[in-house]
Amino acid sequence: MLLVVVGFVLLRDLTRVDPESPGAPVDYQQSATFAREQVGFEVLAPPALPDGWRATSVEFVPQPARWHLGLLTEEGRYVGLEQVDSSVESMVTTYVDDEATQGGDVTIEGRPWSTWTDDEGDTALVRDGREVTTLVVGPVEQDVLVDYVKILR
């Protein structure tokens, strides 16, 4: 009887689909290359992901142009990259919180980024460009987002 129970438990664990587990990694590089050929702004994506990170979602919409890259950190925390021709306020409301609080600016690679936080623990960095607004957001420390922004190309 013990062997039957142990066998059942092992079989169950091998075939279980955990709804909490994130999706399979996606190849974002091909989508980024395609998006760069289609739009008039600099589509950002990392040439390689930090160790332990993985891309789980990617989306490009040509009209109106919008680029999204969703990642999970080594600790399983979500980090999203959004690029849209929209105002900073609209981006923050859409991707952070309509009651997000603006903090001080940070300079990354010589460019100013505004910082935003919400009561749920999200942190965002936002850069208002001429053609597109870029937002990086997630329930991670600001330093994690700064390091991520530094590798975007």
N, C-alpha and C. Protein backbone atom coordinates (compact mmCIF):
# COMPACT_ATOMS: atom_id res chain seq x y z
N MET A 1 0.83 -1.19 0.00
CA MET A 1 0.00 0.00 0.00
C MET A 1 0.87 1.26 0.00
N LEU A 2 1.97 1.24 0.77
CA LEU A 2 2.87 2.38 0.82
C LEU A 2 3.47 2.68 -0.55
N LEU A 3 3.84 1.65 -1.30
CA LEU A 3 4.39 1.84 -2.64
C LEU A 3 3.36 2.47 -3.58
N VAL A 4 2.11 2.09 -3.46
CA VAL A 4 1.06 2.67 -4.29
C VAL A 4 0.91 4.16 -3.98
N VAL A 5 0.90 4.52 -2.70
CA VAL A 5 0.77 5.93 -2.31
C VAL A 5 1.97 6.74 -2.79
N VAL A 6 3.17 6.23 -2.58
CA VAL A 6 4.38 6.93 -3.04
C VAL A 6 4.36 7.06 -4.56
N GLY A 7 3.99 6.02 -5.26
CA GLY A 7 3.90 6.08 -6.72
C GLY A 7 2.89 7.11 -7.19
N PHE A 8 1.74 7.17 -6.52
CA PHE A 8 0.72 8.16 -6.87
C PHE A 8 1.24 9.58 -6.66
N VAL A 9 1.88 9.83 -5.53
CA VAL A 9 2.40 11.16 -5.23
C VAL A 9 3.46 11.57 -6.26
N LEU A 10 4.35 10.67 -6.61
CA LEU A 10 5.38 10.99 -7.61
C LEU A 10 4.76 11.27 -8.96
N LEU A 11 3.79 10.45 -9.37
CA LEU A 11 3.13 10.66 -10.66
C LEU A 11 2.38 11.99 -10.67
N ARG A 12 1.70 12.29 -9.58
CA ARG A 12 0.97 13.55 -9.49
C ARG A 12 1.92 14.74 -9.61
N ASP A 13 3.05 14.69 -8.92
CA ASP A 13 4.01 15.80 -8.96
C ASP A 13 4.62 15.98 -10.35
N LEU A 14 4.81 14.90 -11.06
CA LEU A 14 5.40 14.98 -12.40
C LEU A 14 4.43 15.52 -13.43
N THR A 15 3.14 15.32 -13.22
CA THR A 15 2.15 15.72 -14.23
C THR A 15 1.35 16.94 -13.84
N ARG A 16 1.60 17.51 -12.67
CA ARG A 16 0.82 18.64 -12.20
C ARG A 16 1.17 19.90 -12.98
N VAL A 17 0.16 20.69 -13.30
CA VAL A 17 0.34 22.00 -13.90
C VAL A 17 0.03 23.01 -12.81
N ASP A 18 1.02 23.78 -12.43
CA ASP A 18 0.85 24.76 -11.37
C ASP A 18 0.37 26.07 -11.97
N PRO A 19 -0.86 26.51 -11.68
CA PRO A 19 -1.36 27.75 -12.28
C PRO A 19 -0.60 28.99 -11.82
N GLU A 20 0.14 28.89 -10.73
CA GLU A 20 0.92 30.02 -10.25
C GLU A 20 2.24 30.17 -11.00
N SER A 21 2.70 29.11 -11.68
CA SER A 21 4.00 29.18 -12.32
C SER A 21 3.91 30.00 -13.60
N PRO A 22 4.91 30.81 -13.88
CA PRO A 22 4.89 31.66 -15.07
C PRO A 22 5.04 30.84 -16.34
N GLY A 23 4.68 31.46 -17.46
CA GLY A 23 4.76 30.79 -18.74
C GLY A 23 6.18 30.51 -19.18
N ALA A 24 6.26 29.81 -20.27
CA ALA A 24 7.55 29.43 -20.83
C ALA A 24 8.28 30.68 -21.32
N PRO A 25 9.60 30.65 -21.30
CA PRO A 25 10.36 31.79 -21.81
C PRO A 25 10.04 32.06 -23.28
N VAL A 26 10.09 33.32 -23.66
CA VAL A 26 9.83 33.72 -25.05
C VAL A 26 11.10 34.32 -25.64
N ASP A 27 11.21 34.22 -26.97
CA ASP A 27 12.33 34.83 -27.68
C ASP A 27 11.93 36.24 -28.07
N TYR A 28 12.41 37.21 -27.33
CA TYR A 28 12.02 38.59 -27.57
C TYR A 28 12.89 39.27 -28.63
N GLN A 29 14.07 38.73 -28.91
CA GLN A 29 15.01 39.39 -29.83
C GLN A 29 14.43 39.54 -31.24
N GLN A 30 13.79 38.51 -31.73
CA GLN A 30 13.21 38.56 -33.07
C GLN A 30 12.10 39.61 -33.13
N SER A 31 11.27 39.67 -32.10
CA SER A 31 10.21 40.68 -32.06
C SER A 31 10.78 42.08 -31.97
N ALA A 32 11.85 42.26 -31.20
CA ALA A 32 12.47 43.58 -31.08
C ALA A 32 13.05 44.02 -32.42
N THR A 33 13.69 43.10 -33.12
CA THR A 33 14.25 43.43 -34.43
C THR A 33 13.15 43.86 -35.38
N PHE A 34 12.05 43.11 -35.41
CA PHE A 34 10.92 43.45 -36.28
C PHE A 34 10.35 44.81 -35.90
N ALA A 35 10.15 45.05 -34.60
CA ALA A 35 9.57 46.32 -34.15
C ALA A 35 10.46 47.49 -34.55
N ARG A 36 11.76 47.32 -34.43
CA ARG A 36 12.70 48.40 -34.79
C ARG A 36 12.58 48.78 -36.27
N GLU A 37 12.26 47.81 -37.10
CA GLU A 37 12.11 48.08 -38.53
C GLU A 37 10.79 48.79 -38.86
N GLN A 38 9.85 48.78 -37.93
CA GLN A 38 8.51 49.27 -38.20
C GLN A 38 8.20 50.66 -37.64
N VAL A 39 8.95 51.10 -36.64
CA VAL A 39 8.59 52.34 -35.95
C VAL A 39 9.67 53.40 -36.09
N GLY A 40 9.31 54.62 -35.75
CA GLY A 40 10.24 55.73 -35.84
C GLY A 40 10.92 56.08 -34.54
N PHE A 41 10.82 55.22 -33.54
CA PHE A 41 11.50 55.48 -32.28
C PHE A 41 12.44 54.32 -31.95
N GLU A 42 13.31 54.56 -30.98
CA GLU A 42 14.29 53.57 -30.57
C GLU A 42 13.62 52.51 -29.68
N VAL A 43 13.35 51.35 -30.24
CA VAL A 43 12.77 50.24 -29.48
C VAL A 43 13.87 49.67 -28.59
N LEU A 44 13.62 49.64 -27.29
CA LEU A 44 14.63 49.19 -26.34
C LEU A 44 14.41 47.73 -25.94
N ALA A 45 15.50 47.01 -25.83
CA ALA A 45 15.50 45.63 -25.33
C ALA A 45 16.93 45.31 -24.92
N PRO A 46 17.09 44.44 -23.96
CA PRO A 46 18.45 44.07 -23.56
C PRO A 46 19.06 43.12 -24.59
N PRO A 47 20.34 43.30 -24.93
CA PRO A 47 20.98 42.36 -25.85
C PRO A 47 21.04 40.96 -25.24
N ALA A 48 21.11 40.88 -23.93
CA ALA A 48 21.08 39.61 -23.20
C ALA A 48 20.46 39.90 -21.84
N LEU A 49 19.82 38.90 -21.26
CA LEU A 49 19.18 39.10 -19.96
C LEU A 49 20.18 38.86 -18.83
N PRO A 50 19.98 39.54 -17.72
CA PRO A 50 20.81 39.25 -16.54
C PRO A 50 20.68 37.77 -16.15
N ASP A 51 21.69 37.24 -15.51
CA ASP A 51 21.66 35.84 -15.09
C ASP A 51 20.41 35.54 -14.27
N GLY A 52 19.72 34.47 -14.64
CA GLY A 52 18.54 34.05 -13.92
C GLY A 52 17.25 34.71 -14.36
N TRP A 53 17.32 35.76 -15.16
CA TRP A 53 16.12 36.43 -15.65
C TRP A 53 15.61 35.69 -16.88
N ARG A 54 14.30 35.83 -17.15
CA ARG A 54 13.76 35.27 -18.38
C ARG A 54 12.61 36.12 -18.89
N ALA A 55 12.51 36.18 -20.20
CA ALA A 55 11.43 36.91 -20.85
C ALA A 55 10.21 36.01 -20.89
N THR A 56 9.06 36.53 -20.46
CA THR A 56 7.84 35.74 -20.43
C THR A 56 6.73 36.29 -21.32
N SER A 57 6.86 37.54 -21.75
CA SER A 57 5.86 38.11 -22.65
C SER A 57 6.49 39.20 -23.51
N VAL A 58 6.03 39.25 -24.73
CA VAL A 58 6.49 40.28 -25.66
C VAL A 58 5.33 40.64 -26.56
N GLU A 59 5.19 41.94 -26.83
CA GLU A 59 4.11 42.37 -27.71
C GLU A 59 4.53 43.63 -28.44
N PHE A 60 4.25 43.65 -29.73
CA PHE A 60 4.46 44.84 -30.54
C PHE A 60 3.17 45.12 -31.29
N VAL A 61 2.69 46.36 -31.16
CA VAL A 61 1.51 46.81 -31.89
C VAL A 61 1.97 47.95 -32.79
N PRO A 62 1.79 47.83 -34.12
CA PRO A 62 2.32 48.87 -35.01
C PRO A 62 1.56 50.20 -35.01
N GLN A 63 0.23 50.18 -34.86
CA GLN A 63 -0.55 51.42 -34.92
C GLN A 63 -1.62 51.44 -33.85
N PRO A 64 -1.60 52.33 -32.93
CA PRO A 64 -0.45 53.19 -32.63
C PRO A 64 0.67 52.36 -32.02
N ALA A 65 1.87 52.74 -32.33
CA ALA A 65 3.04 51.94 -31.98
C ALA A 65 3.17 51.76 -30.46
N ARG A 66 3.33 50.49 -30.08
CA ARG A 66 3.51 50.16 -28.66
C ARG A 66 4.39 48.92 -28.57
N TRP A 67 5.39 48.97 -27.67
CA TRP A 67 6.32 47.86 -27.46
C TRP A 67 6.25 47.46 -25.98
N HIS A 68 6.13 46.16 -25.75
CA HIS A 68 6.09 45.62 -24.39
C HIS A 68 7.02 44.43 -24.29
N LEU A 69 7.78 44.38 -23.19
CA LEU A 69 8.60 43.22 -22.87
C LEU A 69 8.42 42.93 -21.39
N GLY A 70 7.92 41.74 -21.07
CA GLY A 70 7.72 41.33 -19.69
C GLY A 70 8.76 40.30 -19.28
N LEU A 71 9.34 40.49 -18.12
CA LEU A 71 10.42 39.63 -17.64
C LEU A 71 10.16 39.18 -16.21
N LEU A 72 10.81 38.10 -15.84
CA LEU A 72 10.87 37.69 -14.44
C LEU A 72 12.32 37.70 -14.00
N THR A 73 12.57 38.29 -12.84
CA THR A 73 13.92 38.32 -12.29
C THR A 73 14.28 36.93 -11.77
N GLU A 74 15.50 36.80 -11.34
CA GLU A 74 15.96 35.54 -10.77
C GLU A 74 15.10 35.12 -9.57
N GLU A 75 14.55 36.11 -8.85
CA GLU A 75 13.70 35.84 -7.69
C GLU A 75 12.24 35.66 -8.08
N GLY A 76 11.93 35.71 -9.38
CA GLY A 76 10.55 35.53 -9.84
C GLY A 76 9.71 36.79 -9.77
N ARG A 77 10.35 37.94 -9.65
CA ARG A 77 9.63 39.22 -9.63
C ARG A 77 9.46 39.75 -11.05
N TYR A 78 8.29 40.30 -11.32
CA TYR A 78 7.98 40.82 -12.65
C TYR A 78 8.64 42.18 -12.87
N VAL A 79 9.20 42.37 -14.06
CA VAL A 79 9.69 43.67 -14.52
C VAL A 79 9.15 43.87 -15.93
N GLY A 80 8.44 44.98 -16.13
CA GLY A 80 7.86 45.26 -17.43
C GLY A 80 8.50 46.47 -18.07
N LEU A 81 8.70 46.39 -19.37
CA LEU A 81 9.20 47.51 -20.17
C LEU A 81 8.09 47.89 -21.13
N GLU A 82 7.69 49.15 -21.11
CA GLU A 82 6.62 49.64 -21.97
C GLU A 82 7.11 50.87 -22.72
N GLN A 83 6.83 50.92 -24.02
CA GLN A 83 7.15 52.10 -24.82
C GLN A 83 5.93 52.44 -25.66
N VAL A 84 5.44 53.67 -25.47
CA VAL A 84 4.24 54.14 -26.16
C VAL A 84 4.38 55.64 -26.38
N ASP A 85 3.81 56.14 -27.46
CA ASP A 85 3.74 57.58 -27.67
C ASP A 85 2.58 58.10 -26.82
N SER A 86 2.90 58.40 -25.57
CA SER A 86 1.89 58.81 -24.60
C SER A 86 2.56 59.70 -23.57
N SER A 87 1.76 60.40 -22.79
CA SER A 87 2.32 61.26 -21.75
C SER A 87 2.82 60.42 -20.58
N VAL A 88 3.72 61.00 -19.81
CA VAL A 88 4.23 60.34 -18.61
C VAL A 88 3.06 60.03 -17.67
N GLU A 89 2.18 60.99 -17.47
CA GLU A 89 1.06 60.81 -16.56
C GLU A 89 0.16 59.65 -17.00
N SER A 90 -0.11 59.56 -18.29
CA SER A 90 -0.93 58.47 -18.81
C SER A 90 -0.25 57.12 -18.63
N MET A 91 1.05 57.07 -18.88
CA MET A 91 1.81 55.83 -18.72
C MET A 91 1.81 55.38 -17.26
N VAL A 92 2.03 56.32 -16.36
CA VAL A 92 2.07 55.99 -14.93
C VAL A 92 0.69 55.50 -14.48
N THR A 93 -0.35 56.18 -14.90
CA THR A 93 -1.71 55.75 -14.54
C THR A 93 -2.00 54.36 -15.07
N THR A 94 -1.60 54.08 -16.30
CA THR A 94 -1.90 52.80 -16.93
C THR A 94 -1.07 51.66 -16.35
N TYR A 95 0.23 51.87 -16.15
CA TYR A 95 1.12 50.77 -15.82
C TYR A 95 1.58 50.72 -14.35
N VAL A 96 1.33 51.78 -13.59
CA VAL A 96 1.73 51.78 -12.18
C VAL A 96 0.47 51.87 -11.32
N ASP A 97 -0.10 53.07 -11.21
CA ASP A 97 -1.29 53.26 -10.39
C ASP A 97 -1.78 54.68 -10.63
N ASP A 98 -3.08 54.88 -10.59
CA ASP A 98 -3.59 56.23 -10.81
C ASP A 98 -3.31 57.15 -9.63
N GLU A 99 -2.85 56.58 -8.51
CA GLU A 99 -2.47 57.39 -7.36
C GLU A 99 -0.98 57.22 -7.03
N ALA A 100 -0.17 56.90 -8.05
CA ALA A 100 1.28 56.74 -7.84
C ALA A 100 1.89 58.06 -7.39
N THR A 101 2.96 57.94 -6.62
CA THR A 101 3.65 59.11 -6.08
C THR A 101 4.97 59.31 -6.82
N GLN A 102 5.20 60.56 -7.28
CA GLN A 102 6.45 60.84 -7.96
C GLN A 102 7.54 61.12 -6.94
N GLY A 103 8.72 60.50 -7.21
CA GLY A 103 9.89 60.74 -6.37
C GLY A 103 10.86 61.63 -7.12
N GLY A 104 12.10 61.59 -6.71
CA GLY A 104 13.13 62.38 -7.39
C GLY A 104 13.56 61.73 -8.69
N ASP A 105 14.22 62.51 -9.51
CA ASP A 105 14.74 61.99 -10.77
C ASP A 105 16.06 61.27 -10.52
N VAL A 106 16.36 60.31 -11.40
CA VAL A 106 17.66 59.65 -11.41
C VAL A 106 18.23 59.82 -12.80
N THR A 107 19.55 59.90 -12.88
CA THR A 107 20.22 60.01 -14.17
C THR A 107 20.85 58.66 -14.50
N ILE A 108 20.48 58.13 -15.65
CA ILE A 108 20.99 56.84 -16.09
C ILE A 108 21.58 57.03 -17.48
N GLU A 109 22.86 56.71 -17.62
CA GLU A 109 23.53 56.88 -18.91
C GLU A 109 23.35 58.30 -19.45
N GLY A 110 23.39 59.29 -18.55
CA GLY A 110 23.31 60.68 -18.93
C GLY A 110 21.91 61.19 -19.23
N ARG A 111 20.88 60.36 -19.02
CA ARG A 111 19.50 60.77 -19.31
C ARG A 111 18.67 60.76 -18.03
N PRO A 112 17.81 61.79 -17.85
CA PRO A 112 16.98 61.83 -16.65
C PRO A 112 15.78 60.88 -16.75
N TRP A 113 15.52 60.17 -15.68
CA TRP A 113 14.34 59.30 -15.56
C TRP A 113 13.59 59.73 -14.30
N SER A 114 12.29 59.89 -14.39
CA SER A 114 11.50 60.18 -13.19
C SER A 114 11.20 58.87 -12.47
N THR A 115 11.05 58.96 -11.16
CA THR A 115 10.75 57.77 -10.37
C THR A 115 9.33 57.88 -9.82
N TRP A 116 8.67 56.73 -9.75
CA TRP A 116 7.29 56.66 -9.26
C TRP A 116 7.14 55.41 -8.40
N THR A 117 6.29 55.49 -7.39
CA THR A 117 5.98 54.33 -6.55
C THR A 117 4.48 54.33 -6.26
N ASP A 118 3.99 53.16 -5.89
CA ASP A 118 2.60 53.07 -5.45
C ASP A 118 2.52 52.33 -4.13
N ASP A 119 1.35 52.30 -3.55
CA ASP A 119 1.15 51.68 -2.23
C ASP A 119 1.26 50.16 -2.28
N GLU A 120 1.22 49.58 -3.47
CA GLU A 120 1.28 48.12 -3.62
C GLU A 120 2.72 47.61 -3.72
N GLY A 121 3.70 48.52 -3.71
CA GLY A 121 5.10 48.10 -3.75
C GLY A 121 5.75 48.18 -5.12
N ASP A 122 5.04 48.72 -6.11
CA ASP A 122 5.64 48.88 -7.44
C ASP A 122 6.53 50.11 -7.47
N THR A 123 7.61 49.99 -8.22
CA THR A 123 8.50 51.10 -8.49
C THR A 123 8.59 51.24 -10.00
N ALA A 124 8.64 52.47 -10.49
CA ALA A 124 8.74 52.69 -11.93
C ALA A 124 9.76 53.78 -12.21
N LEU A 125 10.45 53.61 -13.34
CA LEU A 125 11.31 54.63 -13.90
C LEU A 125 10.70 55.02 -15.24
N VAL A 126 10.59 56.33 -15.49
CA VAL A 126 9.93 56.80 -16.71
C VAL A 126 10.79 57.86 -17.37
N ARG A 127 10.97 57.71 -18.69
CA ARG A 127 11.70 58.71 -19.48
C ARG A 127 10.79 59.21 -20.59
N ASP A 128 10.63 60.52 -20.65
CA ASP A 128 9.81 61.15 -21.67
C ASP A 128 10.70 61.55 -22.83
N GLY A 129 10.59 60.82 -23.92
CA GLY A 129 11.37 61.13 -25.11
C GLY A 129 10.57 61.95 -26.09
N ARG A 130 11.21 62.35 -27.17
CA ARG A 130 10.51 63.15 -28.18
C ARG A 130 9.44 62.33 -28.89
N GLU A 131 9.75 61.08 -29.23
CA GLU A 131 8.82 60.28 -30.01
C GLU A 131 8.08 59.24 -29.19
N VAL A 132 8.61 58.90 -28.00
CA VAL A 132 8.02 57.82 -27.22
C VAL A 132 8.34 58.01 -25.74
N THR A 133 7.43 57.55 -24.90
CA THR A 133 7.68 57.52 -23.46
C THR A 133 8.03 56.09 -23.10
N THR A 134 9.09 55.93 -22.33
CA THR A 134 9.56 54.61 -21.91
C THR A 134 9.34 54.47 -20.42
N LEU A 135 8.76 53.35 -20.01
CA LEU A 135 8.48 53.07 -18.61
C LEU A 135 8.97 51.66 -18.28
N VAL A 136 9.68 51.55 -17.16
CA VAL A 136 10.13 50.25 -16.65
C VAL A 136 9.55 50.14 -15.25
N VAL A 137 8.83 49.05 -14.97
CA VAL A 137 8.09 48.95 -13.71
C VAL A 137 8.14 47.54 -13.15
N GLY A 138 8.07 47.46 -11.83
CA GLY A 138 7.97 46.16 -11.18
C GLY A 138 8.02 46.29 -9.67
N PRO A 139 7.62 45.24 -8.97
CA PRO A 139 7.68 45.24 -7.51
C PRO A 139 9.08 44.86 -7.02
N VAL A 140 10.05 45.66 -7.46
CA VAL A 140 11.46 45.42 -7.16
C VAL A 140 12.08 46.72 -6.66
N GLU A 141 13.28 46.62 -6.11
CA GLU A 141 14.00 47.81 -5.66
C GLU A 141 14.37 48.68 -6.85
N GLN A 142 14.47 49.97 -6.62
CA GLN A 142 14.83 50.90 -7.68
C GLN A 142 16.16 50.55 -8.31
N ASP A 143 17.12 50.09 -7.51
CA ASP A 143 18.44 49.72 -8.04
C ASP A 143 18.34 48.62 -9.09
N VAL A 144 17.41 47.69 -8.92
CA VAL A 144 17.22 46.61 -9.90
C VAL A 144 16.76 47.21 -11.23
N LEU A 145 15.83 48.16 -11.17
CA LEU A 145 15.35 48.81 -12.40
C LEU A 145 16.45 49.64 -13.05
N VAL A 146 17.23 50.36 -12.24
CA VAL A 146 18.33 51.17 -12.78
C VAL A 146 19.33 50.27 -13.51
N ASP A 147 19.72 49.16 -12.88
CA ASP A 147 20.66 48.24 -13.52
C ASP A 147 20.08 47.68 -14.81
N TYR A 148 18.79 47.39 -14.83
CA TYR A 148 18.14 46.88 -16.04
C TYR A 148 18.15 47.94 -17.14
N VAL A 149 17.79 49.17 -16.80
CA VAL A 149 17.76 50.25 -17.79
C VAL A 149 19.15 50.43 -18.40
N LYS A 150 20.20 50.28 -17.61
CA LYS A 150 21.57 50.46 -18.12
C LYS A 150 21.92 49.48 -19.23
N ILE A 151 21.29 48.32 -19.27
CA ILE A 151 21.65 47.35 -20.31
C ILE A 151 20.74 47.44 -21.55
N LEU A 152 19.71 48.27 -21.49
CA LEU A 152 18.81 48.39 -22.65
C LEU A 152 19.51 49.06 -23.81
N ARG A 153 19.28 48.53 -24.98
CA ARG A 153 19.86 49.09 -26.21
C ARG A 153 18.79 49.21 -27.26
